[in-house]
Amino acid sequence: MTGTLIAYRWELRKLVSQKRTYIGLGAAVLLPVVFVTVMALQTGGPYDAPLGHNLRKTGLALGLVLLTFVSHFGAQLAAALVAGDIVATEHSGKTLKMILTRSLRRGQILGGKSLAAFTYVIATILALGLTGLIAGSIAWGFNPLTNLSGVRLSALHALWLSAAALGVFCLPLIAVAAFAILLSTWTRNSAAAIVGTLVYALGQEAIGGLVHQNWARHYLLSDQFDGWHGVLMSPVDWTLILRAVWVSAVFILVPLVIAYEIFRNRDVADD
């Protein structure tokens, strides 16, 4: 475990030094500001989006409303840009043999890389939620929020539930990052890993649209991006939340196990 944490610190330092790290973070910070600006210039709004009826009433709703929009493409792209590069960059930079000479096992190195990618995912969603809260509160105030069941919540109560909702939303996004890590390890090519991850995410959306059986659609990764809705219901819908947790966990563990086997048995003589 100590070795994994050492590798994790290495990878965090690498991420901080790379320009692509700030693409997703910058977009997460900019999107709420742009959204508030656009709404200030028009009278309408996406009121039919989950919690959209709270827009222009409380700033607490903005970050949560934006989750619906970024769940279809933007969040996956941000995750893929970093996670799809995190192993492949060692091949392109001819540095893999060097890091393997350190006194760490391959599993610890891959574990550190995975934790760094997952940290980036969480940081991106946190940036979106925090900026949304600040921008929305400046525009519309820090007021009570009416949840998805029509129950009015105090601002502080809604704030804590919003934090929990962001956490639930991160789970399927981490699963997307896990698949990107698999492709990054397997293909040794950042572009292939990033594009392949986006095709994977969009393919899940497409399958969800084609499947007419709700029970089957509920077990697609794409459906788990709505799991946070359960937090903002009265009473809390634990079925939605727990399904998002365990389905996302499966989609996280399977790619990581395969990536570990590939990384553990890789011949780096030619890298």
C-alpha atoms as a PDB file:
ATOM      1  CA  MET A   1       0.000   0.000   0.000  1.00  0.00           C
ATOM      2  CA  THR A   2       2.866   2.354   0.786  1.00  0.00           C
ATOM      3  CA  GLY A   3       4.346   1.731  -2.652  1.00  0.00           C
ATOM      4  CA  THR A   4       1.015   2.561  -4.297  1.00  0.00           C
ATOM      5  CA  LEU A   5       0.845   5.851  -2.383  1.00  0.00           C
ATOM      6  CA  ILE A   6       4.395   6.714  -3.483  1.00  0.00           C
ATOM      7  CA  ALA A   7       3.432   6.076  -7.110  1.00  0.00           C
ATOM      8  CA  TYR A   8       0.241   8.078  -6.547  1.00  0.00           C
ATOM      9  CA  ARG A   9       2.249  11.107  -5.428  1.00  0.00           C
ATOM     10  CA  TRP A  10       4.501  10.778  -8.485  1.00  0.00           C
ATOM     11  CA  GLU A  11       1.506  10.702 -10.778  1.00  0.00           C
ATOM     12  CA  LEU A  12      -0.154  13.695  -9.133  1.00  0.00           C
ATOM     13  CA  ARG A  13       3.010  15.718  -9.693  1.00  0.00           C
ATOM     14  CA  LYS A  14       3.012  14.658 -13.346  1.00  0.00           C
ATOM     15  CA  LEU A  15      -0.631  15.666 -13.777  1.00  0.00           C
ATOM     16  CA  VAL A  16       0.001  19.091 -12.274  1.00  0.00           C
ATOM     17  CA  SER A  17       2.781  19.678 -14.810  1.00  0.00           C
ATOM     18  CA  GLN A  18       0.761  18.663 -17.887  1.00  0.00           C
ATOM     19  CA  LYS A  19      -1.306  21.151 -19.880  1.00  0.00           C
ATOM     20  CA  ARG A  20      -4.057  18.699 -20.782  1.00  0.00           C
ATOM     21  CA  THR A  21      -4.851  18.331 -17.081  1.00  0.00           C
ATOM     22  CA  TYR A  22      -6.260  21.841 -17.058  1.00  0.00           C
ATOM     23  CA  ILE A  23      -8.537  21.413 -20.087  1.00  0.00           C
ATOM     24  CA  GLY A  24     -11.219  19.560 -18.149  1.00  0.00           C
ATOM     25  CA  LEU A  25     -10.764  21.635 -15.012  1.00  0.00           C
ATOM     26  CA  GLY A  26     -10.942  24.864 -17.013  1.00  0.00           C
ATOM     27  CA  ALA A  27     -14.105  23.748 -18.782  1.00  0.00           C
ATOM     28  CA  ALA A  28     -15.672  22.732 -15.453  1.00  0.00           C
ATOM     29  CA  VAL A  29     -14.999  26.195 -14.029  1.00  0.00           C
ATOM     30  CA  LEU A  30     -16.066  28.065 -17.161  1.00  0.00           C
ATOM     31  CA  LEU A  31     -19.303  26.206 -17.919  1.00  0.00           C
ATOM     32  CA  PRO A  32     -21.351  27.486 -14.930  1.00  0.00           C
ATOM     33  CA  VAL A  33     -20.234  31.058 -15.618  1.00  0.00           C
ATOM     34  CA  VAL A  34     -21.249  30.784 -19.280  1.00  0.00           C
ATOM     35  CA  PHE A  35     -24.557  29.181 -18.295  1.00  0.00           C
ATOM     36  CA  VAL A  36     -25.434  31.980 -15.856  1.00  0.00           C
ATOM     37  CA  THR A  37     -24.426  34.614 -18.417  1.00  0.00           C
ATOM     38  CA  VAL A  38     -26.593  33.071 -21.136  1.00  0.00           C
ATOM     39  CA  MET A  39     -29.568  32.852 -18.784  1.00  0.00           C
ATOM     40  CA  ALA A  40     -29.082  36.511 -17.840  1.00  0.00           C
ATOM     41  CA  LEU A  41     -29.412  37.427 -21.512  1.00  0.00           C
ATOM     42  CA  GLN A  42     -32.659  35.509 -22.084  1.00  0.00           C
ATOM     43  CA  THR A  43     -35.929  34.849 -20.310  1.00  0.00           C
ATOM     44  CA  GLY A  44     -36.239  31.108 -20.850  1.00  0.00           C
ATOM     45  CA  GLY A  45     -34.237  28.236 -19.490  1.00  0.00           C
ATOM     46  CA  PRO A  46     -33.962  24.443 -19.364  1.00  0.00           C
ATOM     47  CA  TYR A  47     -36.731  24.206 -16.785  1.00  0.00           C
ATOM     48  CA  ASP A  48     -37.597  20.650 -17.859  1.00  0.00           C
ATOM     49  CA  ALA A  49     -34.180  19.368 -16.760  1.00  0.00           C
ATOM     50  CA  PRO A  50     -34.039  17.648 -13.343  1.00  0.00           C
ATOM     51  CA  LEU A  51     -34.158  20.460 -10.745  1.00  0.00           C
ATOM     52  CA  GLY A  52     -34.432  22.972 -13.597  1.00  0.00           C
ATOM     53  CA  HIS A  53     -37.532  24.457 -11.966  1.00  0.00           C
ATOM     54  CA  ASN A  54     -35.181  25.903  -9.328  1.00  0.00           C
ATOM     55  CA  LEU A  55     -33.201  27.987 -11.804  1.00  0.00           C
ATOM     56  CA  ARG A  56     -33.466  31.723 -11.165  1.00  0.00           C
ATOM     57  CA  LYS A  57     -34.711  30.879  -7.655  1.00  0.00           C
ATOM     58  CA  THR A  58     -31.583  29.527  -5.976  1.00  0.00           C
ATOM     59  CA  GLY A  59     -27.951  29.105  -6.919  1.00  0.00           C
ATOM     60  CA  LEU A  60     -27.929  25.650  -5.339  1.00  0.00           C
ATOM     61  CA  ALA A  61     -29.567  24.186  -8.440  1.00  0.00           C
ATOM     62  CA  LEU A  62     -27.053  25.293 -11.062  1.00  0.00           C
ATOM     63  CA  GLY A  63     -24.294  22.735 -10.502  1.00  0.00           C
ATOM     64  CA  LEU A  64     -26.819  19.903 -10.273  1.00  0.00           C
ATOM     65  CA  VAL A  65     -28.661  20.946 -13.429  1.00  0.00           C
ATOM     66  CA  LEU A  66     -25.348  21.010 -15.281  1.00  0.00           C
ATOM     67  CA  LEU A  67     -24.704  17.377 -14.327  1.00  0.00           C
ATOM     68  CA  THR A  68     -27.468  16.373 -16.745  1.00  0.00           C
ATOM     69  CA  PHE A  69     -25.741  18.169 -19.616  1.00  0.00           C
ATOM     70  CA  VAL A  70     -22.159  17.030 -18.959  1.00  0.00           C
ATOM     71  CA  SER A  71     -23.236  13.414 -18.367  1.00  0.00           C
ATOM     72  CA  HIS A  72     -23.889  12.924 -22.084  1.00  0.00           C
ATOM     73  CA  PHE A  73     -20.410  13.811 -23.349  1.00  0.00           C
ATOM     74  CA  GLY A  74     -18.366  16.521 -21.641  1.00  0.00           C
ATOM     75  CA  ALA A  75     -17.565  14.692 -18.405  1.00  0.00           C
ATOM     76  CA  GLN A  76     -16.500  11.547 -20.273  1.00  0.00           C
ATOM     77  CA  LEU A  77     -14.198  13.587 -22.518  1.00  0.00           C
ATOM     78  CA  ALA A  78     -12.507  15.213 -19.529  1.00  0.00           C
ATOM     79  CA  ALA A  79     -11.969  11.812 -17.899  1.00  0.00           C
ATOM     80  CA  ALA A  80     -10.694  10.240 -21.118  1.00  0.00           C
ATOM     81  CA  LEU A  81      -8.165  13.013 -21.800  1.00  0.00           C
ATOM     82  CA  VAL A  82      -6.256  12.232 -18.619  1.00  0.00           C
ATOM     83  CA  ALA A  83      -6.972   8.552 -17.947  1.00  0.00           C
ATOM     84  CA  GLY A  84      -6.439   7.593 -21.596  1.00  0.00           C
ATOM     85  CA  ASP A  85      -2.978   9.128 -21.512  1.00  0.00           C
ATOM     86  CA  ILE A  86      -1.777   8.089 -18.082  1.00  0.00           C
ATOM     87  CA  VAL A  87      -0.129   4.799 -19.112  1.00  0.00           C
ATOM     88  CA  ALA A  88       0.302   5.361 -22.845  1.00  0.00           C
ATOM     89  CA  THR A  89       2.402   8.461 -22.239  1.00  0.00           C
ATOM     90  CA  GLU A  90       5.094   6.271 -20.678  1.00  0.00           C
ATOM     91  CA  HIS A  91       5.370   4.369 -23.955  1.00  0.00           C
ATOM     92  CA  SER A  92       5.404   7.453 -26.173  1.00  0.00           C
ATOM     93  CA  GLY A  93       7.961   9.125 -23.904  1.00  0.00           C
ATOM     94  CA  LYS A  94      10.075   5.951 -23.642  1.00  0.00           C
ATOM     95  CA  THR A  95       9.975   6.226 -19.845  1.00  0.00           C
ATOM     96  CA  LEU A  96       8.265   2.958 -18.935  1.00  0.00           C
ATOM     97  CA  LYS A  97      11.500   0.997 -18.476  1.00  0.00           C
ATOM     98  CA  MET A  98      12.816   3.768 -16.266  1.00  0.00           C
ATOM     99  CA  ILE A  99       9.857   3.778 -13.877  1.00  0.00           C
ATOM    100  CA  LEU A 100       9.931  -0.022 -13.704  1.00  0.00           C
ATOM    101  CA  THR A 101      13.509   0.114 -12.418  1.00  0.00           C
ATOM    102  CA  ARG A 102      12.256   1.841  -9.268  1.00  0.00           C
ATOM    103  CA  SER A 103      11.706  -0.287  -6.202  1.00  0.00           C
ATOM    104  CA  LEU A 104       7.978  -0.647  -6.851  1.00  0.00           C
ATOM    105  CA  ARG A 105       5.952  -3.522  -8.209  1.00  0.00           C
ATOM    106  CA  ARG A 106       4.031  -3.116 -11.439  1.00  0.00           C
ATOM    107  CA  GLY A 107       0.722  -3.381  -9.617  1.00  0.00           C
ATOM    108  CA  GLN A 108       1.736  -0.517  -7.328  1.00  0.00           C
ATOM    109  CA  ILE A 109       2.668   1.658 -10.300  1.00  0.00           C
ATOM    110  CA  LEU A 110      -0.612   0.968 -12.075  1.00  0.00           C
ATOM    111  CA  GLY A 111      -2.473   1.487  -8.800  1.00  0.00           C
ATOM    112  CA  GLY A 112      -0.864   4.893  -8.340  1.00  0.00           C
ATOM    113  CA  LYS A 113      -1.718   5.888 -11.888  1.00  0.00           C
ATOM    114  CA  SER A 114      -5.321   4.762 -11.455  1.00  0.00           C
ATOM    115  CA  LEU A 115      -5.732   6.669  -8.184  1.00  0.00           C
ATOM    116  CA  ALA A 116      -4.324   9.813  -9.807  1.00  0.00           C
ATOM    117  CA  ALA A 117      -6.769   9.530 -12.724  1.00  0.00           C
ATOM    118  CA  PHE A 118      -9.680   9.002 -10.341  1.00  0.00           C
ATOM    119  CA  THR A 119      -8.573  11.983  -8.251  1.00  0.00           C
ATOM    120  CA  TYR A 120      -8.663  14.110 -11.379  1.00  0.00           C
ATOM    121  CA  VAL A 121     -12.214  12.965 -12.131  1.00  0.00           C
ATOM    122  CA  ILE A 122     -13.352  13.896  -8.627  1.00  0.00           C
ATOM    123  CA  ALA A 123     -11.540  17.248  -8.773  1.00  0.00           C
ATOM    124  CA  THR A 124     -13.220  18.097 -12.083  1.00  0.00           C
ATOM    125  CA  ILE A 125     -16.730  17.384 -10.788  1.00  0.00           C
ATOM    126  CA  LEU A 126     -15.951  19.223  -7.546  1.00  0.00           C
ATOM    127  CA  ALA A 127     -14.810  22.237  -9.574  1.00  0.00           C
ATOM    128  CA  LEU A 128     -18.048  22.140 -11.573  1.00  0.00           C
ATOM    129  CA  GLY A 129     -20.195  21.906  -8.448  1.00  0.00           C
ATOM    130  CA  LEU A 130     -18.306  24.572  -6.489  1.00  0.00           C
ATOM    131  CA  THR A 131     -18.204  27.050  -9.361  1.00  0.00           C
ATOM    132  CA  GLY A 132     -21.865  26.381 -10.068  1.00  0.00           C
ATOM    133  CA  LEU A 133     -22.708  27.094  -6.432  1.00  0.00           C
ATOM    134  CA  ILE A 134     -20.728  30.343  -6.395  1.00  0.00           C
ATOM    135  CA  ALA A 135     -21.919  31.617  -9.786  1.00  0.00           C
ATOM    136  CA  GLY A 136     -25.517  30.570  -9.155  1.00  0.00           C
ATOM    137  CA  SER A 137     -25.599  32.083  -5.664  1.00  0.00           C
ATOM    138  CA  ILE A 138     -24.217  35.383  -6.940  1.00  0.00           C
ATOM    139  CA  ALA A 139     -26.884  35.448  -9.651  1.00  0.00           C
ATOM    140  CA  TRP A 140     -29.897  34.041  -7.774  1.00  0.00           C
ATOM    141  CA  GLY A 141     -28.983  33.829  -4.095  1.00  0.00           C
ATOM    142  CA  PHE A 142     -28.365  31.030  -1.607  1.00  0.00           C
ATOM    143  CA  ASN A 143     -32.003  30.087  -1.116  1.00  0.00           C
ATOM    144  CA  PRO A 144     -33.996  26.936  -0.325  1.00  0.00           C
ATOM    145  CA  LEU A 145     -34.308  24.327  -3.075  1.00  0.00           C
ATOM    146  CA  THR A 146     -37.325  22.274  -4.146  1.00  0.00           C
ATOM    147  CA  ASN A 147     -36.200  18.702  -4.713  1.00  0.00           C
ATOM    148  CA  LEU A 148     -37.331  16.199  -7.343  1.00  0.00           C
ATOM    149  CA  SER A 149     -40.266  15.128  -5.163  1.00  0.00           C
ATOM    150  CA  GLY A 150     -41.518  18.702  -4.811  1.00  0.00           C
ATOM    151  CA  VAL A 151     -40.330  19.013  -1.194  1.00  0.00           C
ATOM    152  CA  ARG A 152     -38.803  22.340  -0.187  1.00  0.00           C
ATOM    153  CA  LEU A 153     -35.387  21.919   1.480  1.00  0.00           C
ATOM    154  CA  SER A 154     -33.476  24.473   3.495  1.00  0.00           C
ATOM    155  CA  ALA A 155     -30.389  25.864   1.796  1.00  0.00           C
ATOM    156  CA  LEU A 156     -27.953  24.135   4.179  1.00  0.00           C
ATOM    157  CA  HIS A 157     -29.759  20.792   3.909  1.00  0.00           C
ATOM    158  CA  ALA A 158     -29.772  21.073   0.121  1.00  0.00           C
ATOM    159  CA  LEU A 159     -26.061  21.944   0.174  1.00  0.00           C
ATOM    160  CA  TRP A 160     -25.155  18.719   1.976  1.00  0.00           C
ATOM    161  CA  LEU A 161     -27.376  16.672  -0.323  1.00  0.00           C
ATOM    162  CA  SER A 162     -25.773  18.355  -3.334  1.00  0.00           C
ATOM    163  CA  ALA A 163     -22.340  17.246  -2.144  1.00  0.00           C
ATOM    164  CA  ALA A 164     -23.639  13.670  -1.808  1.00  0.00           C
ATOM    165  CA  ALA A 165     -25.204  13.877  -5.280  1.00  0.00           C
ATOM    166  CA  LEU A 166     -21.870  14.942  -6.775  1.00  0.00           C
ATOM    167  CA  GLY A 167     -20.238  11.963  -5.092  1.00  0.00           C
ATOM    168  CA  VAL A 168     -22.751   9.537  -6.603  1.00  0.00           C
ATOM    169  CA  PHE A 169     -22.269  11.148 -10.027  1.00  0.00           C
ATOM    170  CA  CYS A 170     -18.506  10.611  -9.793  1.00  0.00           C
ATOM    171  CA  LEU A 171     -18.875   6.811  -9.589  1.00  0.00           C
ATOM    172  CA  PRO A 172     -19.881   6.073 -13.216  1.00  0.00           C
ATOM    173  CA  LEU A 173     -17.404   8.710 -14.375  1.00  0.00           C
ATOM    174  CA  ILE A 174     -14.634   6.882 -12.525  1.00  0.00           C
ATOM    175  CA  ALA A 175     -15.802   3.756 -14.368  1.00  0.00           C
ATOM    176  CA  VAL A 176     -15.285   5.593 -17.668  1.00  0.00           C
ATOM    177  CA  ALA A 177     -11.791   6.539 -16.502  1.00  0.00           C
ATOM    178  CA  ALA A 178     -11.121   2.884 -15.602  1.00  0.00           C
ATOM    179  CA  PHE A 179     -11.959   1.824 -19.154  1.00  0.00           C
ATOM    180  CA  ALA A 180      -9.660   4.577 -20.472  1.00  0.00           C
ATOM    181  CA  ILE A 181      -6.859   3.204 -18.289  1.00  0.00           C
ATOM    182  CA  LEU A 182      -7.452  -0.242 -19.786  1.00  0.00           C
ATOM    183  CA  LEU A 183      -7.212   1.106 -23.337  1.00  0.00           C
ATOM    184  CA  SER A 184      -4.186   3.226 -22.409  1.00  0.00           C
ATOM    185  CA  THR A 185      -2.437   0.102 -21.087  1.00  0.00           C
ATOM    186  CA  TRP A 186      -3.501  -2.159 -23.935  1.00  0.00           C
ATOM    187  CA  THR A 187      -3.025   0.104 -26.987  1.00  0.00           C
ATOM    188  CA  ARG A 188      -0.004   2.086 -25.701  1.00  0.00           C
ATOM    189  CA  ASN A 189      -1.468   4.981 -27.680  1.00  0.00           C
ATOM    190  CA  SER A 190      -3.074   8.033 -26.061  1.00  0.00           C
ATOM    191  CA  ALA A 191      -5.208   9.016 -29.058  1.00  0.00           C
ATOM    192  CA  ALA A 192      -6.559   5.495 -29.495  1.00  0.00           C
ATOM    193  CA  ALA A 193      -7.351   5.258 -25.789  1.00  0.00           C
ATOM    194  CA  ILE A 194      -9.139   8.631 -25.703  1.00  0.00           C
ATOM    195  CA  VAL A 195     -11.174   8.016 -28.865  1.00  0.00           C
ATOM    196  CA  GLY A 196     -11.929   4.444 -27.842  1.00  0.00           C
ATOM    197  CA  THR A 197     -13.206   5.602 -24.460  1.00  0.00           C
ATOM    198  CA  LEU A 198     -15.510   8.157 -26.054  1.00  0.00           C
ATOM    199  CA  VAL A 199     -16.858   5.509 -28.438  1.00  0.00           C
ATOM    200  CA  TYR A 200     -17.402   3.242 -25.432  1.00  0.00           C
ATOM    201  CA  ALA A 201     -19.317   5.942 -23.536  1.00  0.00           C
ATOM    202  CA  LEU A 202     -21.385   6.997 -26.546  1.00  0.00           C
ATOM    203  CA  GLY A 203     -22.035   3.353 -27.398  1.00  0.00           C
ATOM    204  CA  GLN A 204     -23.576   2.836 -23.971  1.00  0.00           C
ATOM    205  CA  GLU A 205     -25.834   5.831 -24.588  1.00  0.00           C
ATOM    206  CA  ALA A 206     -26.844   4.419 -27.980  1.00  0.00           C
ATOM    207  CA  ILE A 207     -27.577   0.973 -26.554  1.00  0.00           C
ATOM    208  CA  GLY A 208     -29.641   2.583 -23.812  1.00  0.00           C
ATOM    209  CA  GLY A 209     -31.731   4.321 -26.456  1.00  0.00           C
ATOM    210  CA  LEU A 210     -32.285   1.094 -28.390  1.00  0.00           C
ATOM    211  CA  VAL A 211     -33.110  -1.137 -25.435  1.00  0.00           C
ATOM    212  CA  HIS A 212     -36.816  -0.985 -24.668  1.00  0.00           C
ATOM    213  CA  GLN A 213     -36.670  -3.075 -21.503  1.00  0.00           C
ATOM    214  CA  ASN A 214     -36.147  -0.840 -18.474  1.00  0.00           C
ATOM    215  CA  TRP A 215     -34.657  -3.647 -16.390  1.00  0.00           C
ATOM    216  CA  ALA A 216     -31.871  -4.131 -18.962  1.00  0.00           C
ATOM    217  CA  ARG A 217     -31.198  -0.421 -19.435  1.00  0.00           C
ATOM    218  CA  HIS A 218     -30.790   0.027 -15.680  1.00  0.00           C
ATOM    219  CA  TYR A 219     -27.616  -2.057 -15.753  1.00  0.00           C
ATOM    220  CA  LEU A 220     -25.830  -0.013 -18.403  1.00  0.00           C
ATOM    221  CA  LEU A 221     -23.137   2.341 -17.158  1.00  0.00           C
ATOM    222  CA  SER A 222     -24.796   5.278 -18.911  1.00  0.00           C
ATOM    223  CA  ASP A 223     -27.922   4.861 -16.773  1.00  0.00           C
ATOM    224  CA  GLN A 224     -25.915   5.253 -13.569  1.00  0.00           C
ATOM    225  CA  PHE A 225     -25.240   8.917 -14.366  1.00  0.00           C
ATOM    226  CA  ASP A 226     -28.800   9.518 -13.164  1.00  0.00           C
ATOM    227  CA  GLY A 227     -28.228   7.714  -9.876  1.00  0.00           C
ATOM    228  CA  TRP A 228     -27.695  11.015  -8.068  1.00  0.00           C
ATOM    229  CA  HIS A 229     -31.407  11.786  -8.580  1.00  0.00           C
ATOM    230  CA  GLY A 230     -32.128   9.413  -5.709  1.00  0.00           C
ATOM    231  CA  VAL A 231     -30.345  11.747  -3.293  1.00  0.00           C
ATOM    232  CA  LEU A 232     -32.670  14.621  -4.191  1.00  0.00           C
ATOM    233  CA  MET A 233     -35.903  12.701  -3.605  1.00  0.00           C
ATOM    234  CA  SER A 234     -38.124  12.504  -0.519  1.00  0.00           C
ATOM    235  CA  PRO A 235     -37.710   9.958   0.855  1.00  0.00           C
ATOM    236  CA  VAL A 236     -34.231   9.233  -0.521  1.00  0.00           C
ATOM    237  CA  ASP A 237     -34.427   6.624  -3.294  1.00  0.00           C
ATOM    238  CA  TRP A 238     -31.796   4.157  -2.139  1.00  0.00           C
ATOM    239  CA  THR A 239     -32.579   1.806  -5.006  1.00  0.00           C
ATOM    240  CA  LEU A 240     -31.219   4.316  -7.520  1.00  0.00           C
ATOM    241  CA  ILE A 241     -28.198   5.145  -5.390  1.00  0.00           C
ATOM    242  CA  LEU A 242     -27.187   1.593  -4.502  1.00  0.00           C
ATOM    243  CA  ARG A 243     -27.616   0.430  -8.090  1.00  0.00           C
ATOM    244  CA  ALA A 244     -25.350   3.269  -9.246  1.00  0.00           C
ATOM    245  CA  VAL A 245     -22.792   2.188  -6.631  1.00  0.00           C
ATOM    246  CA  TRP A 246     -22.616  -1.518  -7.416  1.00  0.00           C
ATOM    247  CA  VAL A 247     -23.045  -1.296 -11.199  1.00  0.00           C
ATOM    248  CA  SER A 248     -20.336   1.379 -11.364  1.00  0.00           C
ATOM    249  CA  ALA A 249     -18.127  -0.785  -9.126  1.00  0.00           C
ATOM    250  CA  VAL A 250     -18.400  -3.670 -11.612  1.00  0.00           C
ATOM    251  CA  PHE A 251     -17.542  -1.359 -14.514  1.00  0.00           C
ATOM    252  CA  ILE A 252     -14.551  -0.077 -12.530  1.00  0.00           C
ATOM    253  CA  LEU A 253     -13.127  -3.380 -11.330  1.00  0.00           C
ATOM    254  CA  VAL A 254     -13.352  -5.411 -14.550  1.00  0.00           C
ATOM    255  CA  PRO A 255     -11.276  -3.003 -16.717  1.00  0.00           C
ATOM    256  CA  LEU A 256      -8.743  -2.480 -13.908  1.00  0.00           C
ATOM    257  CA  VAL A 257      -8.237  -6.224 -13.430  1.00  0.00           C
ATOM    258  CA  ILE A 258      -7.687  -6.691 -17.173  1.00  0.00           C
ATOM    259  CA  ALA A 259      -5.362  -3.658 -17.299  1.00  0.00           C
ATOM    260  CA  TYR A 260      -3.368  -5.091 -14.394  1.00  0.00           C
ATOM    261  CA  GLU A 261      -2.919  -8.431 -16.149  1.00  0.00           C
ATOM    262  CA  ILE A 262      -1.763  -6.697 -19.333  1.00  0.00           C
ATOM    263  CA  PHE A 263       0.591  -4.375 -17.450  1.00  0.00           C
ATOM    264  CA  ARG A 264       1.969  -7.163 -15.233  1.00  0.00           C
ATOM    265  CA  ASN A 265       2.859  -9.385 -18.208  1.00  0.00           C
ATOM    266  CA  ARG A 266       4.053  -6.664 -20.563  1.00  0.00           C
ATOM    267  CA  ASP A 267       7.444  -7.133 -22.153  1.00  0.00           C
ATOM    268  CA  VAL A 268       9.037  -3.685 -22.058  1.00  0.00           C
ATOM    269  CA  ALA A 269      12.166  -4.665 -23.978  1.00  0.00           C
ATOM    270  CA  ASP A 270      10.991  -2.672 -26.988  1.00  0.00           C
ATOM    271  CA  ASP A 271       9.570   0.297 -25.029  1.00  0.00           C
END
